[in-house]
């Protein structure tokens, strides 16, 4: 797996959402975590960290 941590992916996505003016609710946190989980599940062992982050951000 990539060297980027799931915490880093969460932080980047969260920061992007907040900078975009989106208020984070419990449901939005859950959605964000599910999106990250889906991105990790669809990533293969060779995938680079940027691709994992990009996948999470696209969702």
N, C-alpha and C. Protein backbone atom coordinates (compact mmCIF):
# COMPACT_ATOMS: atom_id res chain seq x y z
N UNK A 1 0.86 -1.18 0.00
CA UNK A 1 0.00 0.00 0.00
C UNK A 1 0.90 1.23 0.00
N UNK A 2 0.34 2.32 -0.38
CA UNK A 2 1.08 3.57 -0.47
C UNK A 2 1.55 4.00 0.91
N UNK A 3 2.53 4.88 0.92
CA UNK A 3 3.10 5.35 2.18
C UNK A 3 2.26 6.44 2.84
N UNK A 4 1.29 6.95 2.15
CA UNK A 4 0.43 7.98 2.74
C UNK A 4 -0.51 7.30 3.74
N UNK A 5 -0.75 7.94 4.85
CA UNK A 5 -1.63 7.35 5.85
C UNK A 5 -3.08 7.73 5.56
N UNK A 6 -3.98 6.92 6.07
CA UNK A 6 -5.39 7.24 5.90
C UNK A 6 -5.73 8.55 6.59
N UNK A 7 -5.02 8.86 7.66
CA UNK A 7 -5.23 10.13 8.34
C UNK A 7 -4.87 11.29 7.41
N UNK A 8 -3.79 11.14 6.63
CA UNK A 8 -3.41 12.18 5.68
C UNK A 8 -4.48 12.38 4.62
N UNK A 9 -5.03 11.28 4.11
CA UNK A 9 -6.09 11.37 3.11
C UNK A 9 -7.31 12.07 3.71
N UNK A 10 -7.69 11.67 4.91
CA UNK A 10 -8.82 12.30 5.58
C UNK A 10 -8.56 13.79 5.77
N UNK A 11 -7.39 14.14 6.27
CA UNK A 11 -7.06 15.55 6.52
C UNK A 11 -7.13 16.38 5.26
N UNK A 12 -6.58 15.86 4.16
CA UNK A 12 -6.59 16.61 2.90
C UNK A 12 -8.02 16.81 2.40
N UNK A 13 -8.82 15.75 2.43
CA UNK A 13 -10.20 15.84 1.96
C UNK A 13 -11.01 16.77 2.87
N UNK A 14 -10.83 16.64 4.18
CA UNK A 14 -11.54 17.48 5.14
C UNK A 14 -11.17 18.95 4.94
N UNK A 15 -9.89 19.23 4.80
CA UNK A 15 -9.44 20.60 4.59
C UNK A 15 -10.02 21.18 3.31
N UNK A 16 -10.07 20.39 2.26
CA UNK A 16 -10.65 20.83 0.99
C UNK A 16 -12.13 21.18 1.17
N UNK A 17 -12.87 20.30 1.84
CA UNK A 17 -14.29 20.54 2.05
C UNK A 17 -14.53 21.80 2.88
N UNK A 18 -13.77 21.97 3.94
CA UNK A 18 -13.93 23.16 4.80
C UNK A 18 -13.55 24.43 4.05
N UNK A 19 -12.49 24.38 3.25
CA UNK A 19 -12.07 25.54 2.48
C UNK A 19 -13.12 25.90 1.42
N UNK A 20 -13.90 24.91 1.02
CA UNK A 20 -14.96 25.14 0.04
C UNK A 20 -16.24 25.66 0.69
N UNK A 21 -16.20 25.84 2.00
CA UNK A 21 -17.34 26.39 2.71
C UNK A 21 -18.38 25.36 3.13
N UNK A 22 -18.04 24.10 3.06
CA UNK A 22 -18.99 23.05 3.42
C UNK A 22 -18.94 22.82 4.93
N UNK A 23 -20.10 22.92 5.57
CA UNK A 23 -20.20 22.64 7.00
C UNK A 23 -20.22 21.13 7.20
N UNK A 24 -19.38 20.67 8.10
CA UNK A 24 -19.29 19.23 8.35
C UNK A 24 -20.31 18.82 9.40
N UNK A 25 -21.17 17.90 9.01
CA UNK A 25 -22.16 17.32 9.91
C UNK A 25 -21.75 15.87 10.17
N UNK A 26 -22.45 15.23 11.07
CA UNK A 26 -22.16 13.82 11.36
C UNK A 26 -22.31 12.99 10.08
N UNK A 27 -23.36 13.25 9.32
CA UNK A 27 -23.57 12.50 8.08
C UNK A 27 -22.46 12.76 7.06
N UNK A 28 -21.98 13.98 6.99
CA UNK A 28 -20.90 14.28 6.04
C UNK A 28 -19.59 13.63 6.47
N UNK A 29 -19.34 13.57 7.77
CA UNK A 29 -18.15 12.85 8.26
C UNK A 29 -18.24 11.38 7.89
N UNK A 30 -19.42 10.80 8.09
CA UNK A 30 -19.61 9.39 7.74
C UNK A 30 -19.40 9.16 6.25
N UNK A 31 -19.96 10.05 5.44
CA UNK A 31 -19.80 9.94 4.00
C UNK A 31 -18.33 10.03 3.61
N UNK A 32 -17.61 10.97 4.20
CA UNK A 32 -16.19 11.11 3.92
C UNK A 32 -15.43 9.83 4.27
N UNK A 33 -15.72 9.27 5.43
CA UNK A 33 -15.06 8.02 5.83
C UNK A 33 -15.40 6.87 4.89
N UNK A 34 -16.65 6.80 4.44
CA UNK A 34 -17.05 5.75 3.49
C UNK A 34 -16.34 5.94 2.15
N UNK A 35 -16.21 7.17 1.71
CA UNK A 35 -15.52 7.43 0.44
C UNK A 35 -14.06 7.02 0.52
N UNK A 36 -13.42 7.31 1.64
CA UNK A 36 -12.02 6.92 1.82
C UNK A 36 -11.92 5.40 1.86
N UNK A 37 -12.84 4.76 2.58
CA UNK A 37 -12.85 3.30 2.65
C UNK A 37 -13.01 2.69 1.26
N UNK A 38 -13.92 3.22 0.45
CA UNK A 38 -14.12 2.73 -0.91
C UNK A 38 -12.86 2.93 -1.76
N UNK A 39 -12.20 4.06 -1.58
CA UNK A 39 -10.98 4.32 -2.34
C UNK A 39 -9.88 3.34 -1.98
N UNK A 40 -9.75 3.04 -0.70
CA UNK A 40 -8.73 2.08 -0.25
C UNK A 40 -9.07 0.69 -0.78
N UNK A 41 -10.34 0.32 -0.72
CA UNK A 41 -10.76 -1.00 -1.18
C UNK A 41 -10.51 -1.18 -2.67
N UNK A 42 -10.64 -0.11 -3.44
CA UNK A 42 -10.45 -0.22 -4.89
C UNK A 42 -9.00 -0.04 -5.31
N UNK A 43 -8.14 0.40 -4.37
CA UNK A 43 -6.72 0.59 -4.68
C UNK A 43 -6.01 -0.75 -4.67
N UNK A 44 -5.08 -0.92 -5.59
CA UNK A 44 -4.29 -2.15 -5.54
C UNK A 44 -3.01 -1.89 -4.74
N UNK A 45 -2.30 -2.94 -4.46
CA UNK A 45 -1.11 -2.85 -3.61
C UNK A 45 -0.03 -1.94 -4.20
N UNK A 46 -0.01 -1.79 -5.50
CA UNK A 46 1.04 -1.02 -6.17
C UNK A 46 0.68 0.45 -6.33
N UNK A 47 -0.55 0.82 -6.01
CA UNK A 47 -1.01 2.17 -6.28
C UNK A 47 -0.21 3.19 -5.47
N UNK A 48 0.14 4.27 -6.11
CA UNK A 48 0.92 5.33 -5.47
C UNK A 48 0.02 6.18 -4.59
N UNK A 49 0.63 6.86 -3.62
CA UNK A 49 -0.14 7.66 -2.67
C UNK A 49 -0.96 8.75 -3.34
N UNK A 50 -0.43 9.39 -4.38
CA UNK A 50 -1.19 10.44 -5.06
C UNK A 50 -2.44 9.88 -5.71
N UNK A 51 -2.36 8.67 -6.24
CA UNK A 51 -3.51 8.04 -6.87
C UNK A 51 -4.59 7.73 -5.84
N UNK A 52 -4.18 7.30 -4.65
CA UNK A 52 -5.15 7.02 -3.59
C UNK A 52 -5.85 8.30 -3.17
N UNK A 53 -5.09 9.36 -2.96
CA UNK A 53 -5.68 10.64 -2.59
C UNK A 53 -6.59 11.15 -3.70
N UNK A 54 -6.14 11.06 -4.94
CA UNK A 54 -6.94 11.50 -6.08
C UNK A 54 -8.26 10.73 -6.15
N UNK A 55 -8.19 9.44 -5.92
CA UNK A 55 -9.39 8.61 -5.95
C UNK A 55 -10.38 9.05 -4.88
N UNK A 56 -9.89 9.33 -3.69
CA UNK A 56 -10.77 9.78 -2.61
C UNK A 56 -11.37 11.14 -2.93
N UNK A 57 -10.59 12.03 -3.50
CA UNK A 57 -11.07 13.38 -3.80
C UNK A 57 -12.08 13.38 -4.94
N UNK A 58 -11.95 12.45 -5.90
CA UNK A 58 -12.88 12.39 -7.02
C UNK A 58 -14.26 11.93 -6.59
N UNK A 59 -14.30 11.13 -5.55
CA UNK A 59 -15.58 10.58 -5.10
C UNK A 59 -16.32 11.63 -4.34
